[in-house]
Amino acid sequence: MTFVPDKMIKDYNEEVYSILNKVLDIKFKRELKHSGIVLEAIFEMDNLVTNKNSYLLVLSDTSISFSNSDEFIQKFINYLNSNLKKINQDFKELRRMEEEDAIVDETRIFLEDERIGLQGQKHLALLKKFRGVRKVLPDVNN
C-alpha cells in the first residue's frame, strides 16, 4: 500500500468529463469529484469498413472502450467494483499496519484512513448512480 498525500490526489479532469457527459448524456460530476478516478483522455474512433463509431476513455490506471451508453455503464460498473476491492484491501492493510507495526505515524494513518474512506464513499455513490441509470435505460431487446 502506498500512502498518497491528499494534495497529490489528482482531480477528475473537467475537460474530459464535459466531453464524456455529451457522449453519454449522464451527469456524475459530483460523485466523480475526489473519487481518485482521473479521466486522462477520450478518443472518438470511426471504423472505416463498418462506419461504426466507438470511444476510448483513458483513465489513470486503465482504459474503457465503448460504442454506446449501455456498454460504457456496464464496463464502468465493473471498473468501480474492481476499485472497491482495491480500496477494501488498502483499508485492511492500513488496519494491519496500525495493529502490527512497532512504530506508527498516527497522523499519516489518520490521513490515509480519511482518503480511503472518501474514495470508498465516492465509488459507492458512483456505483449507485450508474446502477440506477442502467435500470432506467430502455430495453434494446424490445
N, C-alpha and C. Protein backbone atom coordinates (compact mmCIF):
# COMPACT_ATOMS: atom_id res chain seq x y z
N MET A 1 0.85 -1.17 0.00
CA MET A 1 0.00 0.00 0.00
C MET A 1 0.90 1.23 0.00
N THR A 2 0.56 2.19 -0.83
CA THR A 2 1.31 3.42 -0.93
C THR A 2 0.51 4.56 -0.34
N PHE A 3 1.11 5.30 0.54
CA PHE A 3 0.43 6.46 1.10
C PHE A 3 0.39 7.56 0.06
N VAL A 4 -0.78 8.18 -0.09
CA VAL A 4 -0.96 9.24 -1.07
C VAL A 4 -1.41 10.49 -0.33
N PRO A 5 -0.55 11.48 -0.24
CA PRO A 5 -0.98 12.72 0.41
C PRO A 5 -2.18 13.32 -0.31
N ASP A 6 -3.08 13.89 0.46
CA ASP A 6 -4.33 14.44 -0.08
C ASP A 6 -4.08 15.41 -1.21
N LYS A 7 -3.04 16.21 -1.12
CA LYS A 7 -2.75 17.19 -2.16
C LYS A 7 -2.31 16.53 -3.46
N MET A 8 -1.88 15.28 -3.39
CA MET A 8 -1.38 14.61 -4.58
C MET A 8 -2.47 13.84 -5.32
N ILE A 9 -3.68 13.79 -4.77
CA ILE A 9 -4.77 13.10 -5.46
C ILE A 9 -5.24 14.01 -6.57
N LYS A 10 -5.06 13.56 -7.81
CA LYS A 10 -5.48 14.35 -8.96
C LYS A 10 -6.99 14.41 -9.01
N ASP A 11 -7.49 15.50 -9.55
CA ASP A 11 -8.93 15.61 -9.72
C ASP A 11 -9.32 14.95 -11.03
N TYR A 12 -10.57 14.85 -11.28
CA TYR A 12 -11.12 14.02 -12.35
C TYR A 12 -10.85 14.51 -13.77
N ASN A 13 -10.58 15.77 -14.04
CA ASN A 13 -10.30 16.38 -15.34
C ASN A 13 -11.60 16.86 -15.98
N GLU A 14 -11.92 18.09 -15.71
CA GLU A 14 -13.17 18.72 -16.15
C GLU A 14 -13.38 18.65 -17.66
N GLU A 15 -12.32 18.87 -18.43
CA GLU A 15 -12.43 18.91 -19.89
C GLU A 15 -12.88 17.55 -20.45
N VAL A 16 -12.24 16.47 -20.01
CA VAL A 16 -12.60 15.13 -20.47
C VAL A 16 -14.00 14.78 -19.98
N TYR A 17 -14.31 15.15 -18.73
CA TYR A 17 -15.65 14.88 -18.19
C TYR A 17 -16.73 15.54 -19.06
N SER A 18 -16.52 16.78 -19.47
CA SER A 18 -17.50 17.51 -20.29
C SER A 18 -17.77 16.78 -21.60
N ILE A 19 -16.72 16.29 -22.23
CA ILE A 19 -16.88 15.55 -23.49
C ILE A 19 -17.62 14.24 -23.23
N LEU A 20 -17.22 13.53 -22.19
CA LEU A 20 -17.88 12.26 -21.84
C LEU A 20 -19.34 12.48 -21.51
N ASN A 21 -19.64 13.56 -20.82
CA ASN A 21 -21.01 13.91 -20.47
C ASN A 21 -21.85 14.11 -21.73
N LYS A 22 -21.30 14.78 -22.74
CA LYS A 22 -22.01 14.99 -24.00
C LYS A 22 -22.25 13.67 -24.73
N VAL A 23 -21.27 12.79 -24.70
CA VAL A 23 -21.39 11.49 -25.38
C VAL A 23 -22.45 10.63 -24.69
N LEU A 24 -22.41 10.58 -23.37
CA LEU A 24 -23.29 9.68 -22.61
C LEU A 24 -24.61 10.30 -22.20
N ASP A 25 -24.63 11.62 -22.06
CA ASP A 25 -25.78 12.34 -21.52
C ASP A 25 -26.13 11.85 -20.10
N ILE A 26 -25.08 11.65 -19.30
CA ILE A 26 -25.23 11.24 -17.90
C ILE A 26 -24.39 12.20 -17.06
N LYS A 27 -25.00 12.81 -16.08
CA LYS A 27 -24.28 13.74 -15.21
C LYS A 27 -23.84 13.00 -13.95
N PHE A 28 -22.51 13.03 -13.67
CA PHE A 28 -21.99 12.37 -12.48
C PHE A 28 -20.76 13.08 -11.93
N LYS A 29 -20.67 14.39 -12.17
CA LYS A 29 -19.52 15.18 -11.72
C LYS A 29 -19.39 15.18 -10.20
N ARG A 30 -20.51 15.36 -9.50
CA ARG A 30 -20.48 15.44 -8.03
C ARG A 30 -19.93 14.13 -7.43
N GLU A 31 -20.36 13.01 -7.98
CA GLU A 31 -19.89 11.72 -7.47
C GLU A 31 -18.44 11.46 -7.88
N LEU A 32 -18.03 11.96 -9.03
CA LEU A 32 -16.68 11.72 -9.54
C LEU A 32 -15.61 12.54 -8.81
N LYS A 33 -16.00 13.76 -8.38
CA LYS A 33 -15.04 14.66 -7.74
C LYS A 33 -14.51 14.04 -6.44
N HIS A 34 -13.21 14.05 -6.25
CA HIS A 34 -12.49 13.50 -5.10
C HIS A 34 -12.61 11.98 -4.98
N SER A 35 -12.94 11.32 -6.09
CA SER A 35 -13.08 9.86 -6.07
C SER A 35 -11.73 9.17 -6.29
N GLY A 36 -10.75 9.92 -6.77
CA GLY A 36 -9.47 9.32 -7.10
C GLY A 36 -9.44 8.81 -8.54
N ILE A 37 -10.58 8.87 -9.23
CA ILE A 37 -10.65 8.45 -10.62
C ILE A 37 -10.29 9.65 -11.48
N VAL A 38 -9.28 9.48 -12.32
CA VAL A 38 -8.82 10.57 -13.18
C VAL A 38 -9.10 10.21 -14.63
N LEU A 39 -9.88 11.05 -15.29
CA LEU A 39 -10.17 10.89 -16.71
C LEU A 39 -9.03 11.56 -17.48
N GLU A 40 -8.14 10.77 -18.03
CA GLU A 40 -6.96 11.33 -18.69
C GLU A 40 -7.26 11.86 -20.09
N ALA A 41 -8.01 11.07 -20.88
CA ALA A 41 -8.28 11.47 -22.27
C ALA A 41 -9.47 10.68 -22.80
N ILE A 42 -10.08 11.18 -23.84
CA ILE A 42 -11.14 10.45 -24.53
C ILE A 42 -10.91 10.58 -26.03
N PHE A 43 -11.07 9.45 -26.73
CA PHE A 43 -10.86 9.41 -28.17
C PHE A 43 -12.12 8.90 -28.85
N GLU A 44 -12.42 9.48 -30.00
CA GLU A 44 -13.53 9.00 -30.82
C GLU A 44 -12.91 8.30 -32.03
N MET A 45 -13.40 7.09 -32.31
CA MET A 45 -12.84 6.32 -33.41
C MET A 45 -13.94 5.92 -34.38
N ASP A 46 -13.63 5.96 -35.65
CA ASP A 46 -14.56 5.52 -36.68
C ASP A 46 -13.98 4.31 -37.38
N ASN A 47 -14.78 3.24 -37.47
CA ASN A 47 -14.38 2.07 -38.23
C ASN A 47 -14.72 2.37 -39.69
N LEU A 48 -13.72 2.49 -40.52
CA LEU A 48 -13.92 2.90 -41.90
C LEU A 48 -14.57 1.81 -42.74
N VAL A 49 -14.52 0.58 -42.29
CA VAL A 49 -15.14 -0.53 -43.02
C VAL A 49 -16.63 -0.61 -42.69
N THR A 50 -16.95 -0.58 -41.39
CA THR A 50 -18.35 -0.75 -40.98
C THR A 50 -19.07 0.58 -40.74
N ASN A 51 -18.34 1.66 -40.75
CA ASN A 51 -18.87 3.00 -40.46
C ASN A 51 -19.46 3.10 -39.06
N LYS A 52 -18.99 2.26 -38.14
CA LYS A 52 -19.45 2.32 -36.76
C LYS A 52 -18.50 3.20 -35.95
N ASN A 53 -19.10 3.90 -35.00
CA ASN A 53 -18.38 4.84 -34.16
C ASN A 53 -18.16 4.22 -32.79
N SER A 54 -16.99 4.44 -32.20
CA SER A 54 -16.73 3.97 -30.84
C SER A 54 -15.82 4.97 -30.14
N TYR A 55 -15.66 4.77 -28.82
CA TYR A 55 -14.89 5.70 -28.00
C TYR A 55 -13.90 4.93 -27.14
N LEU A 56 -12.85 5.61 -26.75
CA LEU A 56 -11.88 5.07 -25.82
C LEU A 56 -11.66 6.11 -24.73
N LEU A 57 -12.02 5.74 -23.51
CA LEU A 57 -11.80 6.62 -22.35
C LEU A 57 -10.56 6.11 -21.63
N VAL A 58 -9.56 6.98 -21.51
CA VAL A 58 -8.32 6.61 -20.83
C VAL A 58 -8.39 7.16 -19.42
N LEU A 59 -8.29 6.24 -18.45
CA LEU A 59 -8.25 6.60 -17.04
C LEU A 59 -6.81 6.51 -16.57
N SER A 60 -6.53 6.94 -15.36
CA SER A 60 -5.16 6.94 -14.87
C SER A 60 -4.57 5.54 -14.76
N ASP A 61 -5.42 4.53 -14.58
CA ASP A 61 -4.89 3.17 -14.39
C ASP A 61 -5.42 2.14 -15.37
N THR A 62 -6.27 2.53 -16.31
CA THR A 62 -6.82 1.61 -17.30
C THR A 62 -7.50 2.40 -18.40
N SER A 63 -8.17 1.72 -19.30
CA SER A 63 -8.97 2.39 -20.32
C SER A 63 -10.25 1.59 -20.54
N ILE A 64 -11.27 2.29 -21.01
CA ILE A 64 -12.57 1.68 -21.26
C ILE A 64 -12.96 2.02 -22.69
N SER A 65 -13.18 0.98 -23.50
CA SER A 65 -13.67 1.21 -24.86
C SER A 65 -15.16 0.91 -24.88
N PHE A 66 -15.91 1.72 -25.62
CA PHE A 66 -17.35 1.53 -25.68
C PHE A 66 -17.90 2.16 -26.95
N SER A 67 -19.06 1.67 -27.36
CA SER A 67 -19.70 2.24 -28.55
C SER A 67 -21.05 2.87 -28.23
N ASN A 68 -21.57 2.62 -27.00
CA ASN A 68 -22.83 3.24 -26.61
C ASN A 68 -22.89 3.36 -25.09
N SER A 69 -23.89 4.05 -24.61
CA SER A 69 -24.03 4.30 -23.17
C SER A 69 -24.15 3.01 -22.36
N ASP A 70 -24.94 2.07 -22.87
CA ASP A 70 -25.14 0.81 -22.14
C ASP A 70 -23.81 0.08 -21.93
N GLU A 71 -23.01 0.03 -22.97
CA GLU A 71 -21.71 -0.65 -22.88
C GLU A 71 -20.79 0.07 -21.90
N PHE A 72 -20.78 1.40 -21.96
CA PHE A 72 -19.96 2.16 -21.02
C PHE A 72 -20.40 1.91 -19.59
N ILE A 73 -21.70 1.98 -19.35
CA ILE A 73 -22.23 1.81 -17.99
C ILE A 73 -21.79 0.47 -17.42
N GLN A 74 -21.94 -0.60 -18.18
CA GLN A 74 -21.57 -1.92 -17.67
C GLN A 74 -20.07 -2.01 -17.40
N LYS A 75 -19.26 -1.50 -18.30
CA LYS A 75 -17.81 -1.56 -18.11
C LYS A 75 -17.37 -0.66 -16.96
N PHE A 76 -18.01 0.49 -16.80
CA PHE A 76 -17.66 1.39 -15.70
C PHE A 76 -18.07 0.79 -14.36
N ILE A 77 -19.21 0.12 -14.32
CA ILE A 77 -19.63 -0.58 -13.10
C ILE A 77 -18.61 -1.65 -12.74
N ASN A 78 -18.14 -2.40 -13.72
CA ASN A 78 -17.11 -3.42 -13.47
C ASN A 78 -15.83 -2.78 -12.93
N TYR A 79 -15.46 -1.65 -13.51
CA TYR A 79 -14.27 -0.91 -13.07
C TYR A 79 -14.43 -0.45 -11.62
N LEU A 80 -15.60 0.09 -11.30
CA LEU A 80 -15.86 0.55 -9.93
C LEU A 80 -15.81 -0.60 -8.94
N ASN A 81 -16.39 -1.74 -9.30
CA ASN A 81 -16.35 -2.91 -8.42
C ASN A 81 -14.91 -3.36 -8.17
N SER A 82 -14.10 -3.35 -9.20
CA SER A 82 -12.68 -3.71 -9.07
C SER A 82 -11.96 -2.72 -8.15
N ASN A 83 -12.23 -1.43 -8.33
CA ASN A 83 -11.61 -0.41 -7.49
C ASN A 83 -12.04 -0.54 -6.04
N LEU A 84 -13.30 -0.87 -5.80
CA LEU A 84 -13.79 -1.03 -4.43
C LEU A 84 -13.07 -2.19 -3.73
N LYS A 85 -12.76 -3.24 -4.47
CA LYS A 85 -11.99 -4.35 -3.90
C LYS A 85 -10.60 -3.87 -3.48
N LYS A 86 -9.97 -3.04 -4.33
CA LYS A 86 -8.65 -2.50 -4.01
C LYS A 86 -8.73 -1.57 -2.79
N ILE A 87 -9.77 -0.76 -2.73
CA ILE A 87 -9.95 0.15 -1.59
C ILE A 87 -10.12 -0.64 -0.31
N ASN A 88 -10.89 -1.71 -0.36
CA ASN A 88 -11.07 -2.58 0.82
C ASN A 88 -9.76 -3.23 1.23
N GLN A 89 -8.95 -3.64 0.25
CA GLN A 89 -7.64 -4.22 0.56
C GLN A 89 -6.74 -3.17 1.22
N ASP A 90 -6.77 -1.95 0.71
CA ASP A 90 -5.98 -0.86 1.31
C ASP A 90 -6.41 -0.61 2.75
N PHE A 91 -7.72 -0.65 2.99
CA PHE A 91 -8.24 -0.43 4.34
C PHE A 91 -7.76 -1.55 5.28
N LYS A 92 -7.82 -2.78 4.83
CA LYS A 92 -7.36 -3.91 5.65
C LYS A 92 -5.87 -3.81 5.94
N GLU A 93 -5.10 -3.40 4.92
CA GLU A 93 -3.66 -3.23 5.10
C GLU A 93 -3.36 -2.11 6.09
N LEU A 94 -4.11 -1.05 6.03
CA LEU A 94 -3.94 0.07 6.96
C LEU A 94 -4.22 -0.39 8.39
N ARG A 95 -5.29 -1.15 8.57
CA ARG A 95 -5.61 -1.68 9.91
C ARG A 95 -4.51 -2.62 10.40
N ARG A 96 -3.98 -3.45 9.51
CA ARG A 96 -2.91 -4.37 9.87
C ARG A 96 -1.67 -3.60 10.31
N MET A 97 -1.31 -2.57 9.54
CA MET A 97 -0.15 -1.75 9.88
C MET A 97 -0.35 -1.08 11.24
N GLU A 98 -1.53 -0.59 11.48
CA GLU A 98 -1.84 0.10 12.73
C GLU A 98 -1.70 -0.84 13.93
N GLU A 99 -2.08 -2.09 13.75
CA GLU A 99 -2.04 -3.06 14.84
C GLU A 99 -0.68 -3.71 15.03
N GLU A 100 0.04 -3.96 13.93
CA GLU A 100 1.24 -4.78 14.00
C GLU A 100 2.56 -4.03 13.96
N ASP A 101 2.59 -2.85 13.36
CA ASP A 101 3.86 -2.13 13.24
C ASP A 101 4.30 -1.59 14.60
N ALA A 102 5.60 -1.65 14.82
CA ALA A 102 6.14 -1.18 16.09
C ALA A 102 6.04 0.35 16.22
N ILE A 103 6.33 1.03 15.12
CA ILE A 103 6.26 2.49 15.12
C ILE A 103 5.16 2.89 14.14
N VAL A 104 4.18 3.63 14.65
CA VAL A 104 3.04 4.02 13.83
C VAL A 104 2.94 5.54 13.81
N ASP A 105 2.90 6.10 12.61
CA ASP A 105 2.68 7.53 12.44
C ASP A 105 1.17 7.74 12.45
N GLU A 106 0.63 8.14 13.58
CA GLU A 106 -0.82 8.24 13.74
C GLU A 106 -1.44 9.26 12.80
N THR A 107 -0.74 10.35 12.54
CA THR A 107 -1.27 11.37 11.63
C THR A 107 -1.36 10.80 10.22
N ARG A 108 -0.33 10.12 9.81
CA ARG A 108 -0.31 9.52 8.47
C ARG A 108 -1.41 8.47 8.34
N ILE A 109 -1.59 7.66 9.36
CA ILE A 109 -2.64 6.64 9.37
C ILE A 109 -4.00 7.33 9.27
N PHE A 110 -4.20 8.39 10.04
CA PHE A 110 -5.47 9.11 10.04
C PHE A 110 -5.77 9.68 8.65
N LEU A 111 -4.78 10.34 8.03
CA LEU A 111 -4.98 10.94 6.72
C LEU A 111 -5.26 9.88 5.66
N GLU A 112 -4.56 8.77 5.73
CA GLU A 112 -4.79 7.70 4.77
C GLU A 112 -6.16 7.07 4.98
N ASP A 113 -6.57 6.94 6.22
CA ASP A 113 -7.89 6.42 6.55
C ASP A 113 -8.97 7.33 5.97
N GLU A 114 -8.78 8.65 6.09
CA GLU A 114 -9.73 9.61 5.54
C GLU A 114 -9.80 9.51 4.02
N ARG A 115 -8.64 9.39 3.38
CA ARG A 115 -8.60 9.27 1.92
C ARG A 115 -9.33 8.01 1.47
N ILE A 116 -9.03 6.89 2.10
CA ILE A 116 -9.66 5.62 1.74
C ILE A 116 -11.17 5.72 1.95
N GLY A 117 -11.58 6.32 3.07
CA GLY A 117 -13.00 6.46 3.35
C GLY A 117 -13.71 7.32 2.33
N LEU A 118 -13.12 8.46 1.97
CA LEU A 118 -13.72 9.35 0.99
C LEU A 118 -13.80 8.70 -0.38
N GLN A 119 -12.72 8.07 -0.81
CA GLN A 119 -12.73 7.44 -2.12
C GLN A 119 -13.72 6.27 -2.15
N GLY A 120 -13.78 5.51 -1.07
CA GLY A 120 -14.75 4.42 -1.00
C GLY A 120 -16.17 4.94 -1.08
N GLN A 121 -16.44 6.02 -0.36
CA GLN A 121 -17.77 6.63 -0.37
C GLN A 121 -18.12 7.13 -1.78
N LYS A 122 -17.18 7.77 -2.44
CA LYS A 122 -17.41 8.29 -3.79
C LYS A 122 -17.62 7.16 -4.80
N HIS A 123 -16.84 6.09 -4.67
CA HIS A 123 -17.02 4.93 -5.56
C HIS A 123 -18.40 4.30 -5.36
N LEU A 124 -18.82 4.19 -4.12
CA LEU A 124 -20.16 3.64 -3.85
C LEU A 124 -21.25 4.53 -4.43
N ALA A 125 -21.07 5.85 -4.33
CA ALA A 125 -22.05 6.78 -4.90
C ALA A 125 -22.09 6.66 -6.42
N LEU A 126 -20.92 6.51 -7.04
CA LEU A 126 -20.87 6.31 -8.49
C LEU A 126 -21.53 5.00 -8.88
N LEU A 127 -21.26 3.96 -8.12
CA LEU A 127 -21.85 2.65 -8.39
C LEU A 127 -23.37 2.72 -8.30
N LYS A 128 -23.87 3.36 -7.27
CA LYS A 128 -25.31 3.53 -7.09
C LYS A 128 -25.91 4.32 -8.26
N LYS A 129 -25.24 5.40 -8.65
CA LYS A 129 -25.70 6.24 -9.74
C LYS A 129 -25.79 5.45 -11.04
N PHE A 130 -24.73 4.72 -11.38
CA PHE A 130 -24.71 4.00 -12.65
C PHE A 130 -25.61 2.78 -12.64
N ARG A 131 -25.78 2.14 -11.51
CA ARG A 131 -26.76 1.05 -11.43
C ARG A 131 -28.17 1.60 -11.63
N GLY A 132 -28.45 2.77 -11.07
CA GLY A 132 -29.75 3.41 -11.25
C GLY A 132 -29.98 3.82 -12.68
N VAL A 133 -28.97 4.37 -13.33
CA VAL A 133 -29.07 4.78 -14.72
C VAL A 133 -29.30 3.56 -15.60
N ARG A 134 -28.60 2.48 -15.29
CA ARG A 134 -28.74 1.25 -16.08
C ARG A 134 -30.17 0.75 -16.02
N LYS A 135 -30.82 0.88 -14.88
CA LYS A 135 -32.20 0.39 -14.72
C LYS A 135 -33.21 1.22 -15.50
N VAL A 136 -32.94 2.52 -15.67
CA VAL A 136 -33.92 3.36 -16.35
C VAL A 136 -33.71 3.45 -17.85
N LEU A 137 -32.62 2.91 -18.35
CA LEU A 137 -32.41 2.92 -19.79
C LEU A 137 -33.41 1.97 -20.45
N PRO A 138 -33.91 2.33 -21.61
CA PRO A 138 -34.87 1.43 -22.28
C PRO A 138 -34.21 0.12 -22.67
N ASP A 139 -34.99 -0.94 -22.65
CA ASP A 139 -34.50 -2.26 -23.04
C ASP A 139 -34.38 -2.31 -24.55
N VAL A 140 -33.19 -2.54 -25.07
CA VAL A 140 -32.96 -2.54 -26.50
C VAL A 140 -33.48 -3.82 -27.17
N ASN A 141 -33.84 -4.83 -26.38
CA ASN A 141 -34.33 -6.09 -26.94
C ASN A 141 -35.83 -6.05 -27.26
N ASN A 142 -36.54 -5.02 -26.83
CA ASN A 142 -37.98 -4.94 -27.09
C ASN A 142 -38.27 -4.29 -28.42
